[in-house]
Amino acid sequence: MQLPKNAVSWFEIPVNDFNRAKKFYAAIFECEMPEMELGADRLALFPYDAERGVGGAIAQGPDYLPSQRGSLIYLNAGNDLSPVLNRVPAAGGKIELDKKPVSDQQDMGYYAIFQDTEGNRVALHSPN
């Protein structure tokens, strides 16, 4: 068996208010988020290259329950996460942990944690 190139292949962030959550994520990442429906579930996709990277979406449906106690997902915030993090409050979210180095001993980039409009705890990551 060949090991996968990425530990994660897809993620879904649960939301209660689909339109509010889509507006929040589109605002902080300054991107379009195409929508799709899969049965009873409604998704809005983050931009990604399906052939070369990990993708994900916000998701609303009967089995999606936002939580601060579930898995912590780290979203790629480009070269420097500061601009994305700075847009969080104006978009309706809350900054929980400001930008800080992942490690003081190794060059592993930076991270920050915020709470989205749905109450999910989400992290950002960038090399600078």
N, C-alpha and C. Protein backbone atom coordinates (compact mmCIF):
# COMPACT_ATOMS: atom_id res chain seq x y z
N MET A 1 0.83 -1.18 0.00
CA MET A 1 0.00 0.00 0.00
C MET A 1 0.87 1.25 0.00
N GLN A 2 0.58 2.17 -0.89
CA GLN A 2 1.31 3.42 -0.95
C GLN A 2 0.69 4.40 0.05
N LEU A 3 1.55 5.06 0.84
CA LEU A 3 1.07 6.03 1.81
C LEU A 3 0.52 7.26 1.09
N PRO A 4 -0.56 7.84 1.62
CA PRO A 4 -1.13 9.04 0.99
C PRO A 4 -0.18 10.22 1.13
N LYS A 5 -0.30 11.18 0.20
CA LYS A 5 0.53 12.38 0.24
C LYS A 5 0.09 13.34 1.33
N ASN A 6 -1.19 13.32 1.66
CA ASN A 6 -1.75 14.18 2.70
C ASN A 6 -2.48 13.32 3.71
N ALA A 7 -2.41 13.70 4.97
CA ALA A 7 -3.13 12.95 6.00
C ALA A 7 -4.63 13.17 5.88
N VAL A 8 -5.02 14.30 5.34
CA VAL A 8 -6.43 14.65 5.18
C VAL A 8 -6.74 14.70 3.69
N SER A 9 -7.88 14.18 3.29
CA SER A 9 -8.26 14.28 1.89
C SER A 9 -9.45 15.21 1.68
N TRP A 10 -10.29 15.36 2.69
CA TRP A 10 -11.47 16.21 2.59
C TRP A 10 -11.92 16.56 3.99
N PHE A 11 -12.50 17.74 4.18
CA PHE A 11 -13.06 18.11 5.48
C PHE A 11 -14.38 18.81 5.26
N GLU A 12 -15.22 18.77 6.29
CA GLU A 12 -16.49 19.48 6.28
C GLU A 12 -16.69 20.15 7.63
N ILE A 13 -16.95 21.45 7.60
CA ILE A 13 -17.18 22.22 8.80
C ILE A 13 -18.69 22.35 8.98
N PRO A 14 -19.25 21.80 10.05
CA PRO A 14 -20.70 21.84 10.25
C PRO A 14 -21.20 23.25 10.53
N VAL A 15 -22.37 23.58 9.96
CA VAL A 15 -22.97 24.89 10.17
C VAL A 15 -24.46 24.75 10.43
N ASN A 16 -25.01 25.67 11.19
CA ASN A 16 -26.46 25.75 11.40
C ASN A 16 -27.10 26.69 10.40
N ASP A 17 -26.57 27.91 10.32
CA ASP A 17 -27.10 28.92 9.41
C ASP A 17 -26.19 28.96 8.18
N PHE A 18 -26.60 28.26 7.14
CA PHE A 18 -25.76 28.09 5.95
C PHE A 18 -25.37 29.42 5.33
N ASN A 19 -26.32 30.30 5.11
CA ASN A 19 -26.02 31.58 4.44
C ASN A 19 -25.08 32.45 5.27
N ARG A 20 -25.29 32.49 6.58
CA ARG A 20 -24.42 33.27 7.46
C ARG A 20 -23.00 32.71 7.43
N ALA A 21 -22.87 31.39 7.52
CA ALA A 21 -21.55 30.75 7.52
C ALA A 21 -20.84 30.94 6.19
N LYS A 22 -21.58 30.81 5.10
CA LYS A 22 -20.97 31.00 3.77
C LYS A 22 -20.48 32.44 3.64
N LYS A 23 -21.28 33.39 4.07
CA LYS A 23 -20.89 34.80 4.01
C LYS A 23 -19.63 35.04 4.85
N PHE A 24 -19.56 34.45 6.04
CA PHE A 24 -18.40 34.59 6.92
C PHE A 24 -17.13 34.07 6.24
N TYR A 25 -17.14 32.84 5.77
CA TYR A 25 -15.93 32.25 5.18
C TYR A 25 -15.56 32.92 3.86
N ALA A 26 -16.54 33.30 3.06
CA ALA A 26 -16.26 34.02 1.81
C ALA A 26 -15.62 35.38 2.12
N ALA A 27 -16.05 36.01 3.21
CA ALA A 27 -15.50 37.32 3.59
C ALA A 27 -14.07 37.21 4.11
N ILE A 28 -13.79 36.26 4.98
CA ILE A 28 -12.44 36.22 5.56
C ILE A 28 -11.41 35.73 4.55
N PHE A 29 -11.80 34.83 3.64
CA PHE A 29 -10.87 34.34 2.63
C PHE A 29 -10.98 35.10 1.30
N GLU A 30 -11.94 36.03 1.22
CA GLU A 30 -12.16 36.80 0.00
C GLU A 30 -12.23 35.88 -1.21
N CYS A 31 -13.19 34.94 -1.17
CA CYS A 31 -13.32 33.95 -2.23
C CYS A 31 -14.78 33.65 -2.53
N GLU A 32 -15.00 33.04 -3.68
CA GLU A 32 -16.31 32.50 -4.02
C GLU A 32 -16.39 31.08 -3.46
N MET A 33 -17.57 30.66 -3.06
CA MET A 33 -17.76 29.31 -2.55
C MET A 33 -18.94 28.67 -3.27
N PRO A 34 -18.66 27.90 -4.33
CA PRO A 34 -19.77 27.28 -5.06
C PRO A 34 -20.56 26.32 -4.17
N GLU A 35 -21.86 26.28 -4.39
CA GLU A 35 -22.74 25.44 -3.58
C GLU A 35 -23.10 24.16 -4.32
N MET A 36 -23.39 23.14 -3.51
CA MET A 36 -23.91 21.89 -4.06
C MET A 36 -24.77 21.21 -3.02
N GLU A 37 -25.66 20.35 -3.48
CA GLU A 37 -26.50 19.57 -2.57
C GLU A 37 -26.22 18.10 -2.79
N LEU A 38 -26.10 17.37 -1.69
CA LEU A 38 -25.90 15.92 -1.70
C LEU A 38 -26.99 15.32 -0.82
N GLY A 39 -28.04 14.88 -1.42
CA GLY A 39 -29.17 14.38 -0.65
C GLY A 39 -29.75 15.50 0.20
N ALA A 40 -29.83 15.28 1.52
CA ALA A 40 -30.37 16.28 2.43
C ALA A 40 -29.32 17.30 2.87
N ASP A 41 -28.08 17.14 2.42
CA ASP A 41 -27.00 18.02 2.85
C ASP A 41 -26.72 19.12 1.84
N ARG A 42 -26.39 20.29 2.36
CA ARG A 42 -26.05 21.45 1.54
C ARG A 42 -24.61 21.83 1.85
N LEU A 43 -23.79 21.99 0.82
CA LEU A 43 -22.38 22.31 0.98
C LEU A 43 -22.01 23.55 0.20
N ALA A 44 -21.01 24.29 0.69
CA ALA A 44 -20.37 25.37 -0.04
C ALA A 44 -18.88 25.07 0.01
N LEU A 45 -18.26 24.96 -1.16
CA LEU A 45 -16.89 24.49 -1.28
C LEU A 45 -15.85 25.60 -1.16
N PHE A 46 -14.80 25.32 -0.38
CA PHE A 46 -13.64 26.19 -0.36
C PHE A 46 -12.88 25.99 -1.67
N PRO A 47 -12.18 27.02 -2.17
CA PRO A 47 -11.39 26.83 -3.39
C PRO A 47 -10.28 25.81 -3.15
N TYR A 48 -10.07 24.92 -4.12
CA TYR A 48 -8.98 23.96 -4.02
C TYR A 48 -8.73 23.32 -5.38
N ASP A 49 -7.56 22.72 -5.52
CA ASP A 49 -7.19 22.00 -6.73
C ASP A 49 -7.44 20.53 -6.44
N ALA A 50 -8.49 19.96 -6.99
CA ALA A 50 -8.90 18.59 -6.69
C ALA A 50 -7.84 17.56 -7.07
N GLU A 51 -7.00 17.86 -8.03
CA GLU A 51 -5.97 16.90 -8.45
C GLU A 51 -4.72 16.96 -7.60
N ARG A 52 -4.49 18.10 -6.92
CA ARG A 52 -3.22 18.26 -6.23
C ARG A 52 -3.32 18.55 -4.74
N GLY A 53 -4.53 18.75 -4.19
CA GLY A 53 -4.59 19.15 -2.80
C GLY A 53 -5.80 18.66 -2.06
N VAL A 54 -5.87 19.05 -0.83
CA VAL A 54 -6.96 18.70 0.06
C VAL A 54 -8.07 19.72 -0.13
N GLY A 55 -9.30 19.26 -0.16
CA GLY A 55 -10.43 20.16 -0.30
C GLY A 55 -11.38 20.04 0.88
N GLY A 56 -12.34 20.95 0.91
CA GLY A 56 -13.31 20.91 1.98
C GLY A 56 -14.45 21.87 1.75
N ALA A 57 -15.39 21.86 2.68
CA ALA A 57 -16.60 22.66 2.53
C ALA A 57 -17.21 22.95 3.88
N ILE A 58 -18.09 23.96 3.90
CA ILE A 58 -19.00 24.08 5.03
C ILE A 58 -20.18 23.18 4.69
N ALA A 59 -20.82 22.60 5.69
CA ALA A 59 -21.89 21.65 5.42
C ALA A 59 -23.03 21.81 6.40
N GLN A 60 -24.24 21.79 5.85
CA GLN A 60 -25.46 21.87 6.66
C GLN A 60 -26.32 20.66 6.33
N GLY A 61 -26.80 20.01 7.35
CA GLY A 61 -27.66 18.86 7.16
C GLY A 61 -28.00 18.25 8.51
N PRO A 62 -28.82 17.21 8.50
CA PRO A 62 -29.29 16.63 9.76
C PRO A 62 -28.18 16.09 10.67
N ASP A 63 -27.05 15.68 10.11
CA ASP A 63 -25.98 15.09 10.92
C ASP A 63 -24.84 16.05 11.21
N TYR A 64 -24.97 17.31 10.83
CA TYR A 64 -23.91 18.29 11.05
C TYR A 64 -24.25 19.18 12.23
N LEU A 65 -23.44 19.10 13.29
CA LEU A 65 -23.65 19.87 14.51
C LEU A 65 -22.39 20.65 14.85
N PRO A 66 -22.40 21.98 14.71
CA PRO A 66 -21.22 22.78 15.06
C PRO A 66 -20.80 22.53 16.51
N SER A 67 -19.49 22.60 16.76
CA SER A 67 -18.99 22.32 18.10
C SER A 67 -17.61 22.92 18.31
N GLN A 68 -17.32 23.28 19.55
CA GLN A 68 -15.97 23.68 19.92
C GLN A 68 -15.19 22.49 20.47
N ARG A 69 -15.80 21.35 20.56
CA ARG A 69 -15.17 20.19 21.18
C ARG A 69 -14.76 19.10 20.18
N GLY A 70 -15.04 19.30 18.91
CA GLY A 70 -14.70 18.29 17.91
C GLY A 70 -13.28 18.47 17.41
N SER A 71 -13.01 17.93 16.25
CA SER A 71 -11.69 18.03 15.63
C SER A 71 -11.35 19.49 15.33
N LEU A 72 -10.08 19.81 15.40
CA LEU A 72 -9.62 21.16 15.06
C LEU A 72 -8.99 21.10 13.68
N ILE A 73 -9.59 21.81 12.73
CA ILE A 73 -9.10 21.81 11.36
C ILE A 73 -8.24 23.05 11.16
N TYR A 74 -7.12 22.91 10.47
CA TYR A 74 -6.23 24.01 10.16
C TYR A 74 -6.41 24.37 8.69
N LEU A 75 -6.92 25.57 8.43
CA LEU A 75 -7.13 26.02 7.06
C LEU A 75 -5.91 26.79 6.58
N ASN A 76 -5.53 26.54 5.34
CA ASN A 76 -4.39 27.22 4.73
C ASN A 76 -4.77 28.68 4.49
N ALA A 77 -4.03 29.59 5.11
CA ALA A 77 -4.33 31.01 4.99
C ALA A 77 -3.33 31.72 4.08
N GLY A 78 -2.69 30.98 3.18
CA GLY A 78 -1.74 31.58 2.25
C GLY A 78 -0.39 31.82 2.90
N ASN A 79 0.35 32.78 2.35
CA ASN A 79 1.71 33.05 2.80
C ASN A 79 1.77 33.62 4.21
N ASP A 80 0.78 34.44 4.60
CA ASP A 80 0.74 35.06 5.92
C ASP A 80 -0.71 35.07 6.39
N LEU A 81 -1.00 34.43 7.51
CA LEU A 81 -2.38 34.31 7.99
C LEU A 81 -2.95 35.61 8.54
N SER A 82 -2.13 36.61 8.78
CA SER A 82 -2.60 37.86 9.40
C SER A 82 -3.77 38.52 8.67
N PRO A 83 -3.73 38.69 7.34
CA PRO A 83 -4.87 39.33 6.68
C PRO A 83 -6.19 38.57 6.88
N VAL A 84 -6.14 37.23 6.80
CA VAL A 84 -7.35 36.43 7.00
C VAL A 84 -7.84 36.59 8.43
N LEU A 85 -6.94 36.45 9.39
CA LEU A 85 -7.31 36.57 10.81
C LEU A 85 -7.87 37.96 11.11
N ASN A 86 -7.31 38.98 10.52
CA ASN A 86 -7.78 40.35 10.76
C ASN A 86 -9.20 40.57 10.26
N ARG A 87 -9.67 39.77 9.31
CA ARG A 87 -11.03 39.92 8.80
C ARG A 87 -12.06 39.16 9.62
N VAL A 88 -11.62 38.30 10.53
CA VAL A 88 -12.54 37.47 11.32
C VAL A 88 -13.55 38.29 12.13
N PRO A 89 -13.14 39.27 12.94
CA PRO A 89 -14.13 40.01 13.74
C PRO A 89 -15.17 40.75 12.90
N ALA A 90 -14.73 41.40 11.83
CA ALA A 90 -15.67 42.16 10.99
C ALA A 90 -16.67 41.23 10.30
N ALA A 91 -16.28 39.98 10.08
CA ALA A 91 -17.17 39.02 9.43
C ALA A 91 -18.10 38.34 10.43
N GLY A 92 -17.92 38.61 11.73
CA GLY A 92 -18.82 38.06 12.74
C GLY A 92 -18.22 36.97 13.61
N GLY A 93 -16.95 36.66 13.43
CA GLY A 93 -16.29 35.64 14.25
C GLY A 93 -15.52 36.25 15.41
N LYS A 94 -14.87 35.40 16.20
CA LYS A 94 -14.10 35.85 17.36
C LYS A 94 -12.71 35.22 17.31
N ILE A 95 -11.69 36.02 17.55
CA ILE A 95 -10.33 35.50 17.61
C ILE A 95 -10.11 34.90 18.99
N GLU A 96 -9.73 33.64 19.03
CA GLU A 96 -9.48 32.95 20.29
C GLU A 96 -8.00 32.99 20.65
N LEU A 97 -7.14 32.81 19.66
CA LEU A 97 -5.69 32.81 19.87
C LEU A 97 -5.04 33.55 18.71
N ASP A 98 -4.33 34.64 19.02
CA ASP A 98 -3.66 35.41 17.97
C ASP A 98 -2.53 34.60 17.34
N LYS A 99 -2.04 35.09 16.24
CA LYS A 99 -0.97 34.45 15.49
C LYS A 99 0.25 34.20 16.38
N LYS A 100 0.75 32.97 16.31
CA LYS A 100 1.95 32.63 17.06
C LYS A 100 2.69 31.51 16.34
N PRO A 101 3.98 31.32 16.59
CA PRO A 101 4.72 30.24 15.93
C PRO A 101 4.21 28.88 16.38
N VAL A 102 4.20 27.94 15.46
CA VAL A 102 3.82 26.57 15.80
C VAL A 102 4.84 26.00 16.78
N SER A 103 6.11 26.31 16.57
CA SER A 103 7.19 25.79 17.43
C SER A 103 8.26 26.86 17.60
N ASP A 104 8.83 26.95 18.78
CA ASP A 104 9.97 27.85 18.99
C ASP A 104 11.28 27.19 18.59
N GLN A 105 11.29 25.87 18.44
CA GLN A 105 12.50 25.15 18.11
C GLN A 105 12.65 24.84 16.61
N GLN A 106 11.53 24.75 15.90
CA GLN A 106 11.57 24.38 14.49
C GLN A 106 10.77 25.38 13.66
N ASP A 107 11.18 25.56 12.42
CA ASP A 107 10.47 26.45 11.51
C ASP A 107 9.29 25.70 10.90
N MET A 108 8.14 25.79 11.56
CA MET A 108 6.94 25.08 11.11
C MET A 108 5.82 26.06 10.78
N GLY A 109 6.14 27.34 10.68
CA GLY A 109 5.13 28.33 10.34
C GLY A 109 4.41 28.86 11.55
N TYR A 110 3.24 29.44 11.27
CA TYR A 110 2.45 30.12 12.29
C TYR A 110 1.01 29.61 12.28
N TYR A 111 0.33 29.80 13.40
CA TYR A 111 -1.08 29.43 13.48
C TYR A 111 -1.83 30.41 14.34
N ALA A 112 -3.14 30.39 14.20
CA ALA A 112 -4.05 31.18 15.02
C ALA A 112 -5.35 30.40 15.09
N ILE A 113 -6.16 30.68 16.10
CA ILE A 113 -7.44 29.98 16.26
C ILE A 113 -8.56 31.00 16.40
N PHE A 114 -9.66 30.74 15.72
CA PHE A 114 -10.82 31.62 15.81
C PHE A 114 -12.08 30.80 15.98
N GLN A 115 -13.14 31.48 16.36
CA GLN A 115 -14.47 30.87 16.45
C GLN A 115 -15.29 31.48 15.32
N ASP A 116 -15.91 30.63 14.50
CA ASP A 116 -16.70 31.14 13.38
C ASP A 116 -18.10 31.54 13.85
N THR A 117 -18.92 31.98 12.94
CA THR A 117 -20.27 32.45 13.27
C THR A 117 -21.18 31.35 13.78
N GLU A 118 -20.78 30.08 13.58
CA GLU A 118 -21.60 28.95 13.99
C GLU A 118 -21.15 28.36 15.32
N GLY A 119 -20.06 28.87 15.89
CA GLY A 119 -19.55 28.34 17.15
C GLY A 119 -18.47 27.30 17.00
N ASN A 120 -18.02 27.04 15.75
CA ASN A 120 -16.92 26.10 15.53
C ASN A 120 -15.59 26.75 15.87
N ARG A 121 -14.70 25.97 16.43
CA ARG A 121 -13.33 26.38 16.70
C ARG A 121 -12.50 25.93 15.50
N VAL A 122 -11.87 26.90 14.79
CA VAL A 122 -11.14 26.62 13.56
C VAL A 122 -9.79 27.29 13.64
N ALA A 123 -8.76 26.67 13.06
CA ALA A 123 -7.41 27.23 13.07
C ALA A 123 -6.99 27.66 11.67
N LEU A 124 -6.05 28.59 11.62
CA LEU A 124 -5.42 29.01 10.38
C LEU A 124 -3.95 28.64 10.46
N HIS A 125 -3.31 28.39 9.32
CA HIS A 125 -1.89 28.10 9.27
C HIS A 125 -1.27 28.83 8.10
N SER A 126 -0.02 29.29 8.27
CA SER A 126 0.73 29.90 7.17
C SER A 126 2.22 29.76 7.46
N PRO A 127 3.05 29.82 6.41
CA PRO A 127 4.49 29.72 6.63
C PRO A 127 5.09 30.98 7.25
N ASN A 128 4.46 32.12 7.04
CA ASN A 128 4.98 33.40 7.58
C ASN A 128 3.99 34.04 8.52
